[in-house]
PDB file of N, CA and C in Angstrom:
ATOM      1  N   MET A   1     171.619 271.180 140.637  1.00  0.00           N
ATOM      2  CA  MET A   1     171.576 272.586 140.975  1.00  0.00           C
ATOM      3  C   MET A   1     170.618 272.765 142.144  1.00  0.00           C
ATOM      4  N   SER A   2     171.001 273.591 143.076  1.00  0.00           N
ATOM      5  CA  SER A   2     170.125 273.799 144.226  1.00  0.00           C
ATOM      6  C   SER A   2     168.962 274.703 143.833  1.00  0.00           C
ATOM      7  N   ALA A   3     167.871 274.576 144.563  1.00  0.00           N
ATOM      8  CA  ALA A   3     166.706 275.419 144.314  1.00  0.00           C
ATOM      9  C   ALA A   3     167.042 276.884 144.557  1.00  0.00           C
ATOM     10  N   ILE A   4     167.951 277.152 145.487  1.00  0.00           N
ATOM     11  CA  ILE A   4     168.350 278.536 145.756  1.00  0.00           C
ATOM     12  C   ILE A   4     169.053 279.108 144.531  1.00  0.00           C
ATOM     13  N   LYS A   5     169.984 278.355 143.985  1.00  0.00           N
ATOM     14  CA  LYS A   5     170.698 278.812 142.788  1.00  0.00           C
ATOM     15  C   LYS A   5     169.712 278.974 141.633  1.00  0.00           C
ATOM     16  N   LEU A   6     168.789 278.023 141.488  1.00  0.00           N
ATOM     17  CA  LEU A   6     167.776 278.105 140.447  1.00  0.00           C
ATOM     18  C   LEU A   6     166.943 279.375 140.607  1.00  0.00           C
ATOM     19  N   ALA A   7     166.553 279.693 141.839  1.00  0.00           N
ATOM     20  CA  ALA A   7     165.735 280.877 142.083  1.00  0.00           C
ATOM     21  C   ALA A   7     166.476 282.155 141.709  1.00  0.00           C
ATOM     22  N   VAL A   8     167.753 282.234 142.053  1.00  0.00           N
ATOM     23  CA  VAL A   8     168.552 283.413 141.724  1.00  0.00           C
ATOM     24  C   VAL A   8     168.681 283.547 140.209  1.00  0.00           C
ATOM     25  N   GLU A   9     168.984 282.458 139.532  1.00  0.00           N
ATOM     26  CA  GLU A   9     169.117 282.492 138.076  1.00  0.00           C
ATOM     27  C   GLU A   9     167.792 282.856 137.411  1.00  0.00           C
ATOM     28  N   LEU A  10     166.703 282.326 137.933  1.00  0.00           N
ATOM     29  CA  LEU A  10     165.382 282.635 137.389  1.00  0.00           C
ATOM     30  C   LEU A  10     165.076 284.125 137.529  1.00  0.00           C
ATOM     31  N   LEU A  11     165.337 284.676 138.704  1.00  0.00           N
ATOM     32  CA  LEU A  11     165.082 286.095 138.930  1.00  0.00           C
ATOM     33  C   LEU A  11     165.930 286.956 137.990  1.00  0.00           C
ATOM     34  N   GLU A  12     167.194 286.616 137.838  1.00  0.00           N
ATOM     35  CA  GLU A  12     168.064 287.359 136.920  1.00  0.00           C
ATOM     36  C   GLU A  12     167.539 287.280 135.488  1.00  0.00           C
ATOM     37  N   ASN A  13     167.081 286.106 135.094  1.00  0.00           N
ATOM     38  CA  ASN A  13     166.537 285.906 133.754  1.00  0.00           C
ATOM     39  C   ASN A  13     165.274 286.742 133.547  1.00  0.00           C
ATOM     40  N   ILE A  14     164.416 286.771 134.542  1.00  0.00           N
ATOM     41  CA  ILE A  14     163.178 287.555 134.443  1.00  0.00           C
ATOM     42  C   ILE A  14     163.505 289.043 134.357  1.00  0.00           C
ATOM     43  N   HIS A  15     164.460 289.503 135.153  1.00  0.00           N
ATOM     44  CA  HIS A  15     164.872 290.916 135.077  1.00  0.00           C
ATOM     45  C   HIS A  15     165.373 291.248 133.672  1.00  0.00           C
ATOM     46  N   ARG A  16     166.165 290.350 133.094  1.00  0.00           N
ATOM     47  CA  ARG A  16     166.702 290.558 131.752  1.00  0.00           C
ATOM     48  C   ARG A  16     165.560 290.631 130.723  1.00  0.00           C
ATOM     49  N   ILE A  17     164.603 289.737 130.837  1.00  0.00           N
ATOM     50  CA  ILE A  17     163.456 289.726 129.924  1.00  0.00           C
ATOM     51  C   ILE A  17     162.671 291.027 130.040  1.00  0.00           C
ATOM     52  N   MET A  18     162.461 291.469 131.274  1.00  0.00           N
ATOM     53  CA  MET A  18     161.696 292.703 131.493  1.00  0.00           C
ATOM     54  C   MET A  18     162.443 293.922 130.945  1.00  0.00           C
ATOM     55  N   GLU A  19     163.758 293.965 131.168  1.00  0.00           N
ATOM     56  CA  GLU A  19     164.562 295.084 130.656  1.00  0.00           C
ATOM     57  C   GLU A  19     164.516 295.157 129.138  1.00  0.00           C
ATOM     58  N   LEU A  20     164.481 294.005 128.492  1.00  0.00           N
ATOM     59  CA  LEU A  20     164.453 293.958 127.032  1.00  0.00           C
ATOM     60  C   LEU A  20     163.037 294.084 126.473  1.00  0.00           C
ATOM     61  N   GLY A  21     162.040 294.061 127.351  1.00  0.00           N
ATOM     62  CA  GLY A  21     160.657 294.176 126.920  1.00  0.00           C
ATOM     63  C   GLY A  21     160.161 292.964 126.151  1.00  0.00           C
ATOM     64  N   GLN A  22     160.757 291.819 126.414  1.00  0.00           N
ATOM     65  CA  GLN A  22     160.379 290.602 125.710  1.00  0.00           C
ATOM     66  C   GLN A  22     159.181 289.943 126.387  1.00  0.00           C
ATOM     67  N   PRO A  23     158.444 289.134 125.632  1.00  0.00           N
ATOM     68  CA  PRO A  23     157.363 288.376 126.272  1.00  0.00           C
ATOM     69  C   PRO A  23     157.955 287.299 127.199  1.00  0.00           C
ATOM     70  N   ILE A  24     157.203 286.953 128.207  1.00  0.00           N
ATOM     71  CA  ILE A  24     157.664 285.939 129.152  1.00  0.00           C
ATOM     72  C   ILE A  24     157.547 284.575 128.483  1.00  0.00           C
ATOM     73  N   PRO A  25     158.653 283.830 128.435  1.00  0.00           N
ATOM     74  CA  PRO A  25     158.622 282.516 127.779  1.00  0.00           C
ATOM     75  C   PRO A  25     157.694 281.534 128.493  1.00  0.00           C
ATOM     76  N   ARG A  26     157.123 280.643 127.718  1.00  0.00           N
ATOM     77  CA  ARG A  26     156.203 279.632 128.235  1.00  0.00           C
ATOM     78  C   ARG A  26     156.837 278.816 129.367  1.00  0.00           C
ATOM     79  N   GLU A  27     158.159 278.526 129.267  1.00  0.00           N
ATOM     80  CA  GLU A  27     158.834 277.718 130.295  1.00  0.00           C
ATOM     81  C   GLU A  27     158.799 278.422 131.651  1.00  0.00           C
ATOM     82  N   ILE A  28     158.937 279.732 131.639  1.00  0.00           N
ATOM     83  CA  ILE A  28     158.915 280.488 132.900  1.00  0.00           C
ATOM     84  C   ILE A  28     157.504 280.516 133.467  1.00  0.00           C
ATOM     85  N   LEU A  29     156.510 280.651 132.610  1.00  0.00           N
ATOM     86  CA  LEU A  29     155.122 280.620 133.081  1.00  0.00           C
ATOM     87  C   LEU A  29     154.791 279.244 133.665  1.00  0.00           C
ATOM     88  N   THR A  30     155.276 278.187 133.017  1.00  0.00           N
ATOM     89  CA  THR A  30     155.065 276.831 133.524  1.00  0.00           C
ATOM     90  C   THR A  30     155.735 276.654 134.878  1.00  0.00           C
ATOM     91  N   LEU A  31     156.978 277.123 134.991  1.00  0.00           N
ATOM     92  CA  LEU A  31     157.698 277.027 136.254  1.00  0.00           C
ATOM     93  C   LEU A  31     156.967 277.795 137.355  1.00  0.00           C
ATOM     94  N   GLY A  32     156.426 278.952 137.021  1.00  0.00           N
ATOM     95  CA  GLY A  32     155.654 279.725 138.000  1.00  0.00           C
ATOM     96  C   GLY A  32     154.452 278.950 138.515  1.00  0.00           C
ATOM     97  N   ALA A  33     153.766 278.251 137.616  1.00  0.00           N
ATOM     98  CA  ALA A  33     152.615 277.440 138.026  1.00  0.00           C
ATOM     99  C   ALA A  33     153.064 276.275 138.913  1.00  0.00           C
ATOM    100  N   GLN A  34     154.211 275.672 138.584  1.00  0.00           N
ATOM    101  CA  GLN A  34     154.739 274.572 139.392  1.00  0.00           C
ATOM    102  C   GLN A  34     155.110 275.054 140.792  1.00  0.00           C
ATOM    103  N   ILE A  35     155.754 276.196 140.878  1.00  0.00           N
ATOM    104  CA  ILE A  35     156.135 276.762 142.176  1.00  0.00           C
ATOM    105  C   ILE A  35     154.894 277.079 142.998  1.00  0.00           C
ATOM    106  N   THR A  36     153.876 277.631 142.358  1.00  0.00           N
ATOM    107  CA  THR A  36     152.627 277.938 143.057  1.00  0.00           C
ATOM    108  C   THR A  36     151.980 276.659 143.583  1.00  0.00           C
ATOM    109  N   ASP A  37     151.981 275.606 142.788  1.00  0.00           N
ATOM    110  CA  ASP A  37     151.414 274.321 143.196  1.00  0.00           C
ATOM    111  C   ASP A  37     152.188 273.747 144.385  1.00  0.00           C
ATOM    112  N   ALA A  38     153.514 273.752 144.293  1.00  0.00           N
ATOM    113  CA  ALA A  38     154.337 273.227 145.387  1.00  0.00           C
ATOM    114  C   ALA A  38     154.130 274.040 146.664  1.00  0.00           C
ATOM    115  N   ASN A  39     154.133 275.346 146.538  1.00  0.00           N
ATOM    116  CA  ASN A  39     153.910 276.189 147.721  1.00  0.00           C
ATOM    117  C   ASN A  39     152.539 275.942 148.331  1.00  0.00           C
ATOM    118  N   GLY A  40     151.532 275.718 147.489  1.00  0.00           N
ATOM    119  CA  GLY A  40     150.196 275.434 147.995  1.00  0.00           C
ATOM    120  C   GLY A  40     150.161 274.185 148.857  1.00  0.00           C
ATOM    121  N   ALA A  41     150.906 273.158 148.435  1.00  0.00           N
ATOM    122  CA  ALA A  41     150.955 271.905 149.200  1.00  0.00           C
ATOM    123  C   ALA A  41     151.720 272.094 150.508  1.00  0.00           C
ATOM    124  N   ILE A  42     152.880 272.704 150.426  1.00  0.00           N
ATOM    125  CA  ILE A  42     153.724 272.858 151.612  1.00  0.00           C
ATOM    126  C   ILE A  42     153.097 273.811 152.624  1.00  0.00           C
ATOM    127  N   PHE A  43     152.570 274.921 152.151  1.00  0.00           N
ATOM    128  CA  PHE A  43     152.008 275.928 153.056  1.00  0.00           C
ATOM    129  C   PHE A  43     150.525 275.694 153.346  1.00  0.00           C
ATOM    130  N   ASP A  44     149.939 274.651 152.753  1.00  0.00           N
ATOM    131  CA  ASP A  44     148.577 274.199 153.054  1.00  0.00           C
ATOM    132  C   ASP A  44     147.504 275.216 152.693  1.00  0.00           C
ATOM    133  N   ALA A  45     147.584 275.729 151.479  1.00  0.00           N
ATOM    134  CA  ALA A  45     146.593 276.701 151.011  1.00  0.00           C
ATOM    135  C   ALA A  45     145.181 276.114 151.003  1.00  0.00           C
ATOM    136  N   ALA A  46     145.043 274.816 150.759  1.00  0.00           N
ATOM    137  CA  ALA A  46     143.721 274.179 150.696  1.00  0.00           C
ATOM    138  C   ALA A  46     142.975 274.226 152.025  1.00  0.00           C
ATOM    139  N   HIS A  47     143.715 274.392 153.115  1.00  0.00           N
ATOM    140  CA  HIS A  47     143.099 274.430 154.446  1.00  0.00           C
ATOM    141  C   HIS A  47     143.375 275.766 155.135  1.00  0.00           C
ATOM    142  N   ASN A  48     143.361 276.826 154.322  1.00  0.00           N
ATOM    143  CA  ASN A  48     143.550 278.175 154.852  1.00  0.00           C
ATOM    144  C   ASN A  48     144.856 278.291 155.654  1.00  0.00           C
ATOM    145  N   PHE A  49     145.895 277.579 155.199  1.00  0.00           N
ATOM    146  CA  PHE A  49     147.248 277.631 155.769  1.00  0.00           C
ATOM    147  C   PHE A  49     147.342 277.078 157.190  1.00  0.00           C
ATOM    148  N   ALA A  50     146.373 276.260 157.578  1.00  0.00           N
ATOM    149  CA  ALA A  50     146.382 275.679 158.930  1.00  0.00           C
ATOM    150  C   ALA A  50     147.602 274.796 159.168  1.00  0.00           C
ATOM    151  N   GLY A  51     148.082 274.113 158.125  1.00  0.00           N
ATOM    152  CA  GLY A  51     149.233 273.227 158.269  1.00  0.00           C
ATOM    153  C   GLY A  51     150.524 273.847 157.756  1.00  0.00           C
ATOM    154  N   CYS A  52     150.581 275.151 157.716  1.00  0.00           N
ATOM    155  CA  CYS A  52     151.739 275.847 157.160  1.00  0.00           C
ATOM    156  C   CYS A  52     153.048 275.472 157.866  1.00  0.00           C
ATOM    157  N   ILE A  53     153.112 275.633 159.164  1.00  0.00           N
ATOM    158  CA  ILE A  53     154.351 275.346 159.897  1.00  0.00           C
ATOM    159  C   ILE A  53     154.671 273.857 159.860  1.00  0.00           C
ATOM    160  N   PRO A  54     153.706 272.966 160.125  1.00  0.00           N
ATOM    161  CA  PRO A  54     154.037 271.540 159.999  1.00  0.00           C
ATOM    162  C   PRO A  54     154.456 271.160 158.571  1.00  0.00           C
ATOM    163  N   GLY A  55     153.903 271.808 157.569  1.00  0.00           N
ATOM    164  CA  GLY A  55     154.300 271.530 156.187  1.00  0.00           C
ATOM    165  C   GLY A  55     155.752 271.898 155.934  1.00  0.00           C
ATOM    166  N   ILE A  56     156.158 273.044 156.427  1.00  0.00           N
ATOM    167  CA  ILE A  56     157.557 273.458 156.314  1.00  0.00           C
ATOM    168  C   ILE A  56     158.434 272.486 157.088  1.00  0.00           C
ATOM    169  N   HIS A  57     158.002 272.127 158.280  1.00  0.00           N
ATOM    170  CA  HIS A  57     158.760 271.173 159.091  1.00  0.00           C
ATOM    171  C   HIS A  57     158.893 269.826 158.382  1.00  0.00           C
ATOM    172  N   GLU A  58     157.855 269.404 157.670  1.00  0.00           N
ATOM    173  CA  GLU A  58     157.907 268.124 156.943  1.00  0.00           C
ATOM    174  C   GLU A  58     159.000 268.159 155.877  1.00  0.00           C
ATOM    175  N   VAL A  59     159.098 269.252 155.146  1.00  0.00           N
ATOM    176  CA  VAL A  59     160.157 269.372 154.135  1.00  0.00           C
ATOM    177  C   VAL A  59     161.523 269.352 154.811  1.00  0.00           C
ATOM    178  N   LEU A  60     161.676 270.086 155.897  1.00  0.00           N
ATOM    179  CA  LEU A  60     162.954 270.110 156.616  1.00  0.00           C
ATOM    180  C   LEU A  60     163.279 268.734 157.218  1.00  0.00           C
ATOM    181  N   ARG A  61     162.252 268.003 157.647  1.00  0.00           N
ATOM    182  CA  ARG A  61     162.469 266.645 158.174  1.00  0.00           C
ATOM    183  C   ARG A  61     162.965 265.723 157.073  1.00  0.00           C
ATOM    184  N   ARG A  62     162.368 265.819 155.905  1.00  0.00           N
ATOM    185  CA  ARG A  62     162.786 264.985 154.783  1.00  0.00           C
ATOM    186  C   ARG A  62     164.239 265.264 154.399  1.00  0.00           C
ATOM    187  N   GLN A  63     164.666 266.478 154.603  1.00  0.00           N
ATOM    188  CA  GLN A  63     166.045 266.862 154.269  1.00  0.00           C
ATOM    189  C   GLN A  63     167.030 266.518 155.378  1.00  0.00           C
ATOM    190  N   GLY A  64     166.535 266.077 156.518  1.00  0.00           N
ATOM    191  CA  GLY A  64     167.405 265.729 157.629  1.00  0.00           C
ATOM    192  C   GLY A  64     167.732 266.887 158.544  1.00  0.00           C
ATOM    193  N   LEU A  65     167.077 268.022 158.341  1.00  0.00           N
ATOM    194  CA  LEU A  65     167.345 269.200 159.159  1.00  0.00           C
ATOM    195  C   LEU A  65     166.534 269.227 160.450  1.00  0.00           C
ATOM    196  N   LEU A  66     165.446 268.483 160.498  1.00  0.00           N
ATOM    197  CA  LEU A  66     164.637 268.336 161.708  1.00  0.00           C
ATOM    198  C   LEU A  66     164.381 266.849 161.934  1.00  0.00           C
ATOM    199  N   GLU A  67     164.224 266.469 163.192  1.00  0.00           N
ATOM    200  CA  GLU A  67     163.929 265.066 163.505  1.00  0.00           C
ATOM    201  C   GLU A  67     162.446 264.750 163.370  1.00  0.00           C
ATOM    202  N   GLY A  68     161.607 265.751 163.459  1.00  0.00           N
ATOM    203  CA  GLY A  68     160.161 265.542 163.369  1.00  0.00           C
ATOM    204  C   GLY A  68     159.486 266.833 162.958  1.00  0.00           C
ATOM    205  N   ILE A  69     158.168 266.802 162.937  1.00  0.00           N
ATOM    206  CA  ILE A  69     157.419 267.992 162.496  1.00  0.00           C
ATOM    207  C   ILE A  69     156.691 268.660 163.661  1.00  0.00           C
ATOM    208  N   TRP A  70     157.169 268.422 164.871  1.00  0.00           N
ATOM    209  CA  TRP A  70     156.520 268.946 166.059  1.00  0.00           C
ATOM    210  C   TRP A  70     156.480 270.470 166.047  1.00  0.00           C
ATOM    211  N   CYS A  71     155.431 270.981 166.653  1.00  0.00           N
ATOM    212  CA  CYS A  71     155.256 272.424 166.792  1.00  0.00           C
ATOM    213  C   CYS A  71     155.056 272.746 168.270  1.00  0.00           C
ATOM    214  N   LEU A  72     155.206 274.015 168.624  1.00  0.00           N
ATOM    215  CA  LEU A  72     154.969 274.420 170.020  1.00  0.00           C
ATOM    216  C   LEU A  72     153.556 274.060 170.446  1.00  0.00           C
ATOM    217  N   ASN A  73     152.613 274.237 169.561  1.00  0.00           N
ATOM    218  CA  ASN A  73     151.233 273.844 169.826  1.00  0.00           C
ATOM    219  C   ASN A  73     151.081 272.390 169.369  1.00  0.00           C
ATOM    220  N   PRO A  74     150.899 271.455 170.282  1.00  0.00           N
ATOM    221  CA  PRO A  74     150.820 270.037 169.892  1.00  0.00           C
ATOM    222  C   PRO A  74     149.632 269.726 168.988  1.00  0.00           C
ATOM    223  N   ASN A  75     148.650 270.622 168.934  1.00  0.00           N
ATOM    224  CA  ASN A  75     147.495 270.404 168.058  1.00  0.00           C
ATOM    225  C   ASN A  75     147.748 270.883 166.632  1.00  0.00           C
ATOM    226  N   GLU A  76     148.900 271.532 166.417  1.00  0.00           N
ATOM    227  CA  GLU A  76     149.236 272.020 165.088  1.00  0.00           C
ATOM    228  C   GLU A  76     149.948 270.902 164.329  1.00  0.00           C
ATOM    229  N   THR A  77     149.226 270.300 163.391  1.00  0.00           N
ATOM    230  CA  THR A  77     149.742 269.157 162.636  1.00  0.00           C
ATOM    231  C   THR A  77     149.445 269.358 161.154  1.00  0.00           C
ATOM    232  N   LEU A  78     149.951 268.439 160.359  1.00  0.00           N
ATOM    233  CA  LEU A  78     149.615 268.469 158.941  1.00  0.00           C
ATOM    234  C   LEU A  78     148.106 268.313 158.782  1.00  0.00           C
ATOM    235  N   SER A  79     147.552 268.994 157.819  1.00  0.00           N
ATOM    236  CA  SER A  79     146.124 268.880 157.540  1.00  0.00           C
ATOM    237  C   SER A  79     145.845 267.556 156.838  1.00  0.00           C
ATOM    238  N   PRO A  80     144.594 267.109 156.863  1.00  0.00           N
ATOM    239  CA  PRO A  80     144.257 265.869 156.158  1.00  0.00           C
ATOM    240  C   PRO A  80     144.658 265.960 154.682  1.00  0.00           C
ATOM    241  N   GLY A  81     145.417 264.973 154.233  1.00  0.00           N
ATOM    242  CA  GLY A  81     145.846 264.929 152.838  1.00  0.00           C
ATOM    243  C   GLY A  81     147.062 265.778 152.504  1.00  0.00           C
ATOM    244  N   GLN A  82     147.549 266.566 153.459  1.00  0.00           N
ATOM    245  CA  GLN A  82     148.673 267.455 153.166  1.00  0.00           C
ATOM    246  C   GLN A  82     149.950 266.671 152.871  1.00  0.00           C
ATOM    247  N   ARG A  83     150.217 265.617 153.618  1.00  0.00           N
ATOM    248  CA  ARG A  83     151.414 264.813 153.369  1.00  0.00           C
ATOM    249  C   ARG A  83     151.363 264.215 151.956  1.00  0.00           C
ATOM    250  N   ASP A  84     150.186 263.763 151.545  1.00  0.00           N
ATOM    251  CA  ASP A  84     150.037 263.227 150.189  1.00  0.00           C
ATOM    252  C   ASP A  84     150.296 264.303 149.144  1.00  0.00           C
ATOM    253  N   GLU A  85     149.843 265.499 149.416  1.00  0.00           N
ATOM    254  CA  GLU A  85     150.082 266.615 148.496  1.00  0.00           C
ATOM    255  C   GLU A  85     151.568 266.952 148.414  1.00  0.00           C
ATOM    256  N   ILE A  86     152.255 266.935 149.547  1.00  0.00           N
ATOM    257  CA  ILE A  86     153.698 267.187 149.543  1.00  0.00           C
ATOM    258  C   ILE A  86     154.406 266.072 148.773  1.00  0.00           C
ATOM    259  N   ASP A  87     153.993 264.821 148.979  1.00  0.00           N
ATOM    260  CA  ASP A  87     154.546 263.703 148.207  1.00  0.00           C
ATOM    261  C   ASP A  87     154.339 263.940 146.708  1.00  0.00           C
ATOM    262  N   ARG A  88     153.156 264.394 146.353  1.00  0.00           N
ATOM    263  CA  ARG A  88     152.824 264.617 144.935  1.00  0.00           C
ATOM    264  C   ARG A  88     153.712 265.685 144.310  1.00  0.00           C
ATOM    265  N   VAL A  89     153.875 266.818 144.999  1.00  0.00           N
ATOM    266  CA  VAL A  89     154.688 267.881 144.392  1.00  0.00           C
ATOM    267  C   VAL A  89     156.166 267.501 144.376  1.00  0.00           C
ATOM    268  N   TYR A  90     156.607 266.738 145.373  1.00  0.00           N
ATOM    269  CA  TYR A  90     157.993 266.242 145.351  1.00  0.00           C
ATOM    270  C   TYR A  90     158.208 265.364 144.120  1.00  0.00           C
ATOM    271  N   ALA A  91     157.256 264.472 143.844  1.00  0.00           N
ATOM    272  CA  ALA A  91     157.377 263.565 142.702  1.00  0.00           C
ATOM    273  C   ALA A  91     157.197 264.308 141.377  1.00  0.00           C
ATOM    274  N   SER A  92     156.307 265.282 141.349  1.00  0.00           N
ATOM    275  CA  SER A  92     156.004 265.998 140.108  1.00  0.00           C
ATOM    276  C   SER A  92     157.070 267.012 139.724  1.00  0.00           C
ATOM    277  N   TYR A  93     157.697 267.629 140.724  1.00  0.00           N
ATOM    278  CA  TYR A  93     158.634 268.725 140.460  1.00  0.00           C
ATOM    279  C   TYR A  93     159.953 268.529 141.213  1.00  0.00           C
ATOM    280  N   PRO A  94     160.676 267.464 140.940  1.00  0.00           N
ATOM    281  CA  PRO A  94     161.925 267.236 141.676  1.00  0.00           C
ATOM    282  C   PRO A  94     162.940 268.359 141.478  1.00  0.00           C
ATOM    283  N   HIS A  95     162.831 269.088 140.383  1.00  0.00           N
ATOM    284  CA  HIS A  95     163.753 270.188 140.111  1.00  0.00           C
ATOM    285  C   HIS A  95     163.531 271.395 141.029  1.00  0.00           C
ATOM    286  N   LEU A  96     162.442 271.389 141.784  1.00  0.00           N
ATOM    287  CA  LEU A  96     162.162 272.527 142.669  1.00  0.00           C
ATOM    288  C   LEU A  96     162.724 272.356 144.075  1.00  0.00           C
ATOM    289  N   ASN A  97     163.156 271.162 144.430  1.00  0.00           N
ATOM    290  CA  ASN A  97     163.665 271.002 145.796  1.00  0.00           C
ATOM    291  C   ASN A  97     165.184 271.136 145.814  1.00  0.00           C
ATOM    292  N   ASP A  98     165.692 271.456 146.976  1.00  0.00           N
ATOM    293  CA  ASP A  98     167.138 271.603 147.131  1.00  0.00           C
ATOM    294  C   ASP A  98     167.693 270.504 148.031  1.00  0.00           C
ATOM    295  N   ASP A  99     167.054 269.342 148.009  1.00  0.00           N
ATOM    296  CA  ASP A  99     167.464 268.220 148.852  1.00  0.00           C
ATOM    297  C   ASP A  99     168.900 267.779 148.578  1.00  0.00           C
ATOM    298  N   GLU A 100     169.304 267.771 147.322  1.00  0.00           N
ATOM    299  CA  GLU A 100     170.672 267.354 146.987  1.00  0.00           C
ATOM    300  C   GLU A 100     171.679 268.323 147.596  1.00  0.00           C
ATOM    301  N   PHE A 101     171.418 269.620 147.474  1.00  0.00           N
ATOM    302  CA  PHE A 101     172.301 270.636 148.041  1.00  0.00           C
ATOM    303  C   PHE A 101     172.384 270.481 149.557  1.00  0.00           C
ATOM    304  N   VAL A 102     171.245 270.284 150.196  1.00  0.00           N
ATOM    305  CA  VAL A 102     171.217 270.112 151.649  1.00  0.00           C
ATOM    306  C   VAL A 102     171.991 268.858 152.032  1.00  0.00           C
ATOM    307  N   SER A 103     171.768 267.774 151.308  1.00  0.00           N
ATOM    308  CA  SER A 103     172.451 266.517 151.602  1.00  0.00           C
ATOM    309  C   SER A 103     173.969 266.660 151.509  1.00  0.00           C
ATOM    310  N   GLU A 104     174.430 267.411 150.522  1.00  0.00           N
ATOM    311  CA  GLU A 104     175.867 267.610 150.332  1.00  0.00           C
ATOM    312  C   GLU A 104     176.510 268.359 151.505  1.00  0.00           C
ATOM    313  N   HIS A 105     175.739 269.198 152.182  1.00  0.00           N
ATOM    314  CA  HIS A 105     176.299 270.068 153.218  1.00  0.00           C
ATOM    315  C   HIS A 105     175.822 269.741 154.628  1.00  0.00           C
ATOM    316  N   LEU A 106     174.883 268.823 154.759  1.00  0.00           N
ATOM    317  CA  LEU A 106     174.234 268.572 156.046  1.00  0.00           C
ATOM    318  C   LEU A 106     175.214 268.226 157.158  1.00  0.00           C
ATOM    319  N   ASP A 107     176.113 267.296 156.916  1.00  0.00           N
ATOM    320  CA  ASP A 107     177.053 266.892 157.968  1.00  0.00           C
ATOM    321  C   ASP A 107     177.887 268.071 158.466  1.00  0.00           C
ATOM    322  N   ALA A 108     178.380 268.863 157.539  1.00  0.00           N
ATOM    323  CA  ALA A 108     179.182 270.039 157.928  1.00  0.00           C
ATOM    324  C   ALA A 108     178.343 271.026 158.721  1.00  0.00           C
ATOM    325  N   TRP A 109     177.119 271.261 158.274  1.00  0.00           N
ATOM    326  CA  TRP A 109     176.259 272.206 158.982  1.00  0.00           C
ATOM    327  C   TRP A 109     175.959 271.716 160.398  1.00  0.00           C
ATOM    328  N   LEU A 110     175.697 270.410 160.531  1.00  0.00           N
ATOM    329  CA  LEU A 110     175.387 269.873 161.861  1.00  0.00           C
ATOM    330  C   LEU A 110     176.590 269.952 162.778  1.00  0.00           C
ATOM    331  N   GLU A 111     177.791 270.020 162.208  1.00  0.00           N
ATOM    332  CA  GLU A 111     179.003 270.191 162.998  1.00  0.00           C
ATOM    333  C   GLU A 111     179.333 271.663 163.220  1.00  0.00           C
ATOM    334  N   GLY A 112     178.474 272.548 162.726  1.00  0.00           N
ATOM    335  CA  GLY A 112     178.683 273.987 162.923  1.00  0.00           C
ATOM    336  C   GLY A 112     179.619 274.617 161.905  1.00  0.00           C
ATOM    337  N   LYS A 113     179.897 273.920 160.816  1.00  0.00           N
ATOM    338  CA  LYS A 113     180.784 274.451 159.782  1.00  0.00           C
ATOM    339  C   LYS A 113     179.916 275.028 158.668  1.00  0.00           C
ATOM    340  N   PHE A 114     180.116 276.302 158.408  1.00  0.00           N
ATOM    341  CA  PHE A 114     179.328 276.972 157.383  1.00  0.00           C
ATOM    342  C   PHE A 114     180.259 277.553 156.329  1.00  0.00           C
ATOM    343  N   PHE A 115     180.110 277.118 155.148  1.00  0.00           N
ATOM    344  CA  PHE A 115     180.863 277.542 153.952  1.00  0.00           C
ATOM    345  C   PHE A 115     182.186 278.094 154.346  1.00  0.00           C
TER     346      PHE A 115
END
């Protein structure tokens, strides 16, 4: 399942829980913490978001959507330890990435074919 589909289903589930006035299940709270951890690594919260754009570029590079993590400002790079943090969240939360979905469609997208 792609992370996009997961996000939509999660949001629908949360809306349903809120409408019914039910307590938030532990699994959703855990998933929220995992998403926060992954976002912290990718967007470089530990370094005041200094590596935010290179972090996003690193994820896109891993998916084959970019050839590198270059930025307009050549001094804008991953922060120290950021790549290791991205590796960690990738390994810890494989269910949060949409790499499989991207891989399935990458060739078509690169040829300009969209759904």
